[in-house]
Structure formats: structure tokens, C-alpha cells
Amino acid sequence: MIAVVASFVISEGKETEFETVANALVAEVRANEPGCSLYQLAKDRKTAGRYKMLELYTDMDAFKVHGGTDWFKVAMPKMAPCFAEAPVVEIMECVG
């Protein structure tokens, strides 16, 4: 299983716009990607504008499928203007 944590820093005043686009992406992934067992947007409780997307995929192929989907390709250009910094994506292998 592949675990992915994508970290986002969002510009002040762009949080609602980012959440709207990101949550639409979450809905598409959950409805259409059987190889993804978790896709959840989380917001930092202490620092405004900091988010993480928590993701679990059955394997690397499922993760690659995700990046090639139409909904991902539509969402990323809509989210990009909200970023205060470049996103950081950590790709890990689950153990145990």
C-alpha cells in the first residue's frame, strides 16, 4: 500500500476557494478511484492556511492513475492560484 501526504500553504483570503476545489476533487476521487481507499483534506487547527491531503492507494499503479484522471487535471490549475508556496508531496510505503 502507498501512503501520500500532500502539504499545502494557502494564501490569506484564498482558503475558501481552495477548500471548494479540493473538496470537489475529494468527491470525484472517492466516487471514481477504487484503488484509493483514503482521500481526505485536513486543515491545521493552529495555523491558518495550512492543509494536508491524506491519501492511501492499493499500489503505485493506483497512485499513477490518480494523477492522470480528468478530475485531477481540472482541479490542479484551479488550486494553483491559491498556493502561497509550492505543494510538498511525500510518497511512502505502508508497513505492517
N, C-alpha and C. Protein backbone atom coordinates (compact mmCIF):
# COMPACT_ATOMS: atom_id res chain seq x y z
N MET A 1 0.84 -1.18 0.00
CA MET A 1 0.00 0.00 0.00
C MET A 1 0.89 1.24 0.00
N ILE A 2 0.46 2.26 -0.72
CA ILE A 2 1.19 3.52 -0.83
C ILE A 2 0.45 4.61 -0.05
N ALA A 3 1.17 5.31 0.80
CA ALA A 3 0.62 6.44 1.55
C ALA A 3 1.20 7.73 0.97
N VAL A 4 0.34 8.71 0.81
CA VAL A 4 0.77 10.01 0.28
C VAL A 4 0.24 11.09 1.21
N VAL A 5 1.11 12.05 1.52
CA VAL A 5 0.71 13.23 2.27
C VAL A 5 1.13 14.43 1.44
N ALA A 6 0.14 15.17 0.96
CA ALA A 6 0.41 16.39 0.20
C ALA A 6 0.15 17.58 1.11
N SER A 7 1.15 18.44 1.28
CA SER A 7 1.04 19.60 2.16
C SER A 7 0.91 20.87 1.34
N PHE A 8 -0.04 21.71 1.77
CA PHE A 8 -0.33 22.95 1.05
C PHE A 8 -0.29 24.14 2.01
N VAL A 9 0.30 25.24 1.57
CA VAL A 9 0.21 26.51 2.27
C VAL A 9 -0.57 27.44 1.35
N ILE A 10 -1.70 27.92 1.85
CA ILE A 10 -2.64 28.69 1.04
C ILE A 10 -2.54 30.18 1.39
N SER A 11 -2.58 31.00 0.37
CA SER A 11 -2.52 32.45 0.57
C SER A 11 -3.72 32.94 1.38
N GLU A 12 -3.47 33.94 2.21
CA GLU A 12 -4.53 34.52 3.02
C GLU A 12 -5.67 35.00 2.11
N GLY A 13 -6.88 34.65 2.48
CA GLY A 13 -8.05 35.04 1.72
C GLY A 13 -8.43 34.06 0.62
N LYS A 14 -7.60 33.06 0.39
CA LYS A 14 -7.87 32.06 -0.67
C LYS A 14 -8.32 30.71 -0.09
N GLU A 15 -8.47 30.64 1.22
CA GLU A 15 -8.79 29.37 1.86
C GLU A 15 -10.12 28.78 1.38
N THR A 16 -11.16 29.58 1.31
CA THR A 16 -12.47 29.07 0.89
C THR A 16 -12.43 28.57 -0.55
N GLU A 17 -11.77 29.32 -1.41
CA GLU A 17 -11.63 28.91 -2.81
C GLU A 17 -10.89 27.57 -2.90
N PHE A 18 -9.79 27.45 -2.17
CA PHE A 18 -9.03 26.21 -2.16
C PHE A 18 -9.87 25.05 -1.65
N GLU A 19 -10.55 25.24 -0.53
CA GLU A 19 -11.36 24.17 0.05
C GLU A 19 -12.46 23.72 -0.89
N THR A 20 -13.08 24.64 -1.59
CA THR A 20 -14.15 24.30 -2.53
C THR A 20 -13.62 23.40 -3.64
N VAL A 21 -12.52 23.78 -4.24
CA VAL A 21 -11.94 22.99 -5.34
C VAL A 21 -11.41 21.66 -4.80
N ALA A 22 -10.71 21.68 -3.68
CA ALA A 22 -10.14 20.46 -3.12
C ALA A 22 -11.23 19.47 -2.71
N ASN A 23 -12.31 19.96 -2.13
CA ASN A 23 -13.38 19.06 -1.71
C ASN A 23 -14.15 18.49 -2.90
N ALA A 24 -14.23 19.23 -3.99
CA ALA A 24 -14.82 18.68 -5.22
C ALA A 24 -13.92 17.56 -5.75
N LEU A 25 -12.61 17.74 -5.67
CA LEU A 25 -11.67 16.70 -6.07
C LEU A 25 -11.82 15.47 -5.17
N VAL A 26 -11.94 15.68 -3.88
CA VAL A 26 -12.14 14.57 -2.94
C VAL A 26 -13.36 13.75 -3.35
N ALA A 27 -14.45 14.41 -3.67
CA ALA A 27 -15.68 13.71 -4.05
C ALA A 27 -15.47 12.87 -5.31
N GLU A 28 -14.77 13.41 -6.30
CA GLU A 28 -14.51 12.67 -7.53
C GLU A 28 -13.63 11.44 -7.27
N VAL A 29 -12.59 11.63 -6.48
CA VAL A 29 -11.68 10.53 -6.18
C VAL A 29 -12.44 9.41 -5.46
N ARG A 30 -13.20 9.78 -4.45
CA ARG A 30 -13.94 8.77 -3.68
C ARG A 30 -14.94 8.02 -4.55
N ALA A 31 -15.55 8.70 -5.49
CA ALA A 31 -16.58 8.09 -6.34
C ALA A 31 -16.00 7.26 -7.48
N ASN A 32 -14.79 7.57 -7.92
CA ASN A 32 -14.30 7.01 -9.17
C ASN A 32 -12.96 6.30 -9.14
N GLU A 33 -12.29 6.25 -8.00
CA GLU A 33 -10.97 5.62 -7.95
C GLU A 33 -10.96 4.47 -6.94
N PRO A 34 -11.30 3.27 -7.40
CA PRO A 34 -11.33 2.12 -6.48
C PRO A 34 -9.97 1.77 -5.89
N GLY A 35 -8.89 2.20 -6.51
CA GLY A 35 -7.55 1.94 -5.99
C GLY A 35 -7.13 2.90 -4.89
N CYS A 36 -7.99 3.86 -4.56
CA CYS A 36 -7.71 4.82 -3.49
C CYS A 36 -8.68 4.55 -2.34
N SER A 37 -8.14 4.13 -1.20
CA SER A 37 -9.01 3.80 -0.06
C SER A 37 -9.18 4.96 0.91
N LEU A 38 -8.36 5.99 0.79
CA LEU A 38 -8.50 7.18 1.64
C LEU A 38 -8.06 8.40 0.85
N TYR A 39 -8.90 9.41 0.84
CA TYR A 39 -8.56 10.70 0.22
C TYR A 39 -9.29 11.74 1.04
N GLN A 40 -8.55 12.41 1.93
CA GLN A 40 -9.17 13.29 2.92
C GLN A 40 -8.39 14.59 3.05
N LEU A 41 -9.07 15.71 2.89
CA LEU A 41 -8.47 17.02 3.13
C LEU A 41 -8.54 17.32 4.62
N ALA A 42 -7.44 17.79 5.18
CA ALA A 42 -7.38 18.16 6.59
C ALA A 42 -6.79 19.56 6.72
N LYS A 43 -7.31 20.32 7.69
CA LYS A 43 -6.87 21.69 7.91
C LYS A 43 -6.18 21.78 9.26
N ASP A 44 -5.05 22.46 9.30
CA ASP A 44 -4.30 22.67 10.55
C ASP A 44 -5.18 23.42 11.54
N ARG A 45 -5.23 22.95 12.75
CA ARG A 45 -6.07 23.58 13.78
C ARG A 45 -5.44 24.83 14.38
N LYS A 46 -4.12 24.99 14.21
CA LYS A 46 -3.43 26.10 14.87
C LYS A 46 -2.93 27.17 13.90
N THR A 47 -2.61 26.78 12.67
CA THR A 47 -2.01 27.72 11.74
C THR A 47 -2.91 27.89 10.52
N ALA A 48 -3.42 29.09 10.33
CA ALA A 48 -4.31 29.36 9.19
C ALA A 48 -3.59 29.13 7.87
N GLY A 49 -4.32 28.60 6.91
CA GLY A 49 -3.78 28.45 5.58
C GLY A 49 -2.94 27.20 5.35
N ARG A 50 -2.87 26.32 6.33
CA ARG A 50 -2.08 25.09 6.18
C ARG A 50 -3.02 23.89 6.10
N TYR A 51 -2.82 23.10 5.05
CA TYR A 51 -3.67 21.94 4.78
C TYR A 51 -2.82 20.74 4.41
N LYS A 52 -3.42 19.56 4.57
CA LYS A 52 -2.80 18.33 4.10
C LYS A 52 -3.88 17.49 3.43
N MET A 53 -3.48 16.82 2.35
CA MET A 53 -4.34 15.82 1.73
C MET A 53 -3.75 14.47 2.12
N LEU A 54 -4.54 13.66 2.81
CA LEU A 54 -4.12 12.35 3.28
C LEU A 54 -4.66 11.32 2.30
N GLU A 55 -3.76 10.47 1.77
CA GLU A 55 -4.14 9.56 0.69
C GLU A 55 -3.56 8.16 0.93
N LEU A 56 -4.35 7.13 0.60
CA LEU A 56 -3.88 5.75 0.63
C LEU A 56 -4.30 5.06 -0.66
N TYR A 57 -3.33 4.43 -1.31
CA TYR A 57 -3.56 3.74 -2.58
C TYR A 57 -3.16 2.28 -2.45
N THR A 58 -3.83 1.41 -3.19
CA THR A 58 -3.52 -0.02 -3.13
C THR A 58 -2.10 -0.30 -3.59
N ASP A 59 -1.62 0.47 -4.57
CA ASP A 59 -0.26 0.28 -5.09
C ASP A 59 0.15 1.52 -5.89
N MET A 60 1.36 1.50 -6.39
CA MET A 60 1.89 2.65 -7.13
C MET A 60 1.10 2.89 -8.42
N ASP A 61 0.61 1.82 -9.04
CA ASP A 61 -0.20 1.99 -10.25
C ASP A 61 -1.45 2.80 -9.96
N ALA A 62 -2.11 2.53 -8.84
CA ALA A 62 -3.32 3.29 -8.48
C ALA A 62 -2.98 4.76 -8.24
N PHE A 63 -1.84 5.03 -7.64
CA PHE A 63 -1.41 6.41 -7.44
C PHE A 63 -1.16 7.10 -8.78
N LYS A 64 -0.54 6.39 -9.71
CA LYS A 64 -0.28 6.97 -11.03
C LYS A 64 -1.59 7.23 -11.78
N VAL A 65 -2.56 6.33 -11.64
CA VAL A 65 -3.87 6.54 -12.26
C VAL A 65 -4.47 7.84 -11.74
N HIS A 66 -4.38 8.06 -10.45
CA HIS A 66 -4.95 9.27 -9.82
C HIS A 66 -4.43 10.54 -10.51
N GLY A 67 -3.14 10.62 -10.70
CA GLY A 67 -2.55 11.82 -11.31
C GLY A 67 -2.93 12.03 -12.76
N GLY A 68 -3.43 10.99 -13.42
CA GLY A 68 -3.82 11.09 -14.82
C GLY A 68 -5.31 11.28 -15.05
N THR A 69 -6.08 11.35 -13.97
CA THR A 69 -7.53 11.46 -14.14
C THR A 69 -7.93 12.87 -14.59
N ASP A 70 -9.06 12.94 -15.27
CA ASP A 70 -9.57 14.23 -15.73
C ASP A 70 -9.85 15.17 -14.56
N TRP A 71 -10.41 14.63 -13.46
CA TRP A 71 -10.75 15.49 -12.32
C TRP A 71 -9.51 16.05 -11.66
N PHE A 72 -8.42 15.30 -11.62
CA PHE A 72 -7.17 15.82 -11.06
C PHE A 72 -6.61 16.91 -11.97
N LYS A 73 -6.63 16.65 -13.27
CA LYS A 73 -6.10 17.62 -14.24
C LYS A 73 -6.90 18.92 -14.27
N VAL A 74 -8.18 18.85 -13.94
CA VAL A 74 -9.03 20.06 -13.87
C VAL A 74 -8.79 20.80 -12.55
N ALA A 75 -8.66 20.05 -11.46
CA ALA A 75 -8.55 20.67 -10.13
C ALA A 75 -7.24 21.40 -9.91
N MET A 76 -6.14 20.82 -10.34
CA MET A 76 -4.83 21.42 -10.02
C MET A 76 -4.67 22.84 -10.55
N PRO A 77 -5.03 23.15 -11.80
CA PRO A 77 -4.91 24.54 -12.25
C PRO A 77 -5.83 25.50 -11.50
N LYS A 78 -6.93 24.98 -10.97
CA LYS A 78 -7.84 25.82 -10.18
C LYS A 78 -7.29 26.08 -8.79
N MET A 79 -6.56 25.11 -8.24
CA MET A 79 -5.98 25.27 -6.90
C MET A 79 -4.70 26.09 -6.93
N ALA A 80 -3.94 25.99 -8.00
CA ALA A 80 -2.62 26.62 -8.07
C ALA A 80 -2.60 28.10 -7.71
N PRO A 81 -3.57 28.92 -8.15
CA PRO A 81 -3.53 30.34 -7.76
C PRO A 81 -3.72 30.58 -6.26
N CYS A 82 -4.16 29.56 -5.54
CA CYS A 82 -4.36 29.68 -4.09
C CYS A 82 -3.08 29.43 -3.30
N PHE A 83 -2.09 28.80 -3.92
CA PHE A 83 -0.88 28.39 -3.21
C PHE A 83 0.01 29.59 -2.87
N ALA A 84 0.41 29.68 -1.60
CA ALA A 84 1.40 30.66 -1.17
C ALA A 84 2.81 30.11 -1.36
N GLU A 85 2.91 28.79 -1.38
CA GLU A 85 4.17 28.07 -1.58
C GLU A 85 3.88 26.87 -2.46
N ALA A 86 4.92 26.33 -3.06
CA ALA A 86 4.75 25.10 -3.85
C ALA A 86 4.33 23.96 -2.92
N PRO A 87 3.37 23.13 -3.33
CA PRO A 87 2.97 21.99 -2.50
C PRO A 87 4.15 21.03 -2.31
N VAL A 88 4.13 20.34 -1.20
CA VAL A 88 5.13 19.32 -0.90
C VAL A 88 4.39 17.99 -0.82
N VAL A 89 4.84 17.02 -1.64
CA VAL A 89 4.19 15.72 -1.70
C VAL A 89 5.16 14.65 -1.21
N GLU A 90 4.75 13.95 -0.16
CA GLU A 90 5.55 12.84 0.39
C GLU A 90 4.89 11.53 -0.04
N ILE A 91 5.66 10.64 -0.64
CA ILE A 91 5.16 9.34 -1.06
C ILE A 91 5.88 8.29 -0.23
N MET A 92 5.07 7.48 0.49
CA MET A 92 5.64 6.50 1.41
C MET A 92 5.03 5.12 1.15
N GLU A 93 5.72 4.12 1.62
CA GLU A 93 5.21 2.75 1.54
C GLU A 93 4.72 2.35 2.93
N CYS A 94 3.51 1.81 3.01
CA CYS A 94 2.96 1.40 4.29
C CYS A 94 3.68 0.13 4.77
N VAL A 95 3.84 0.04 6.07
CA VAL A 95 4.46 -1.13 6.67
C VAL A 95 3.50 -1.70 7.70
N GLY A 96 3.56 -3.00 7.90
CA GLY A 96 2.74 -3.64 8.91
C GLY A 96 1.32 -3.88 8.52
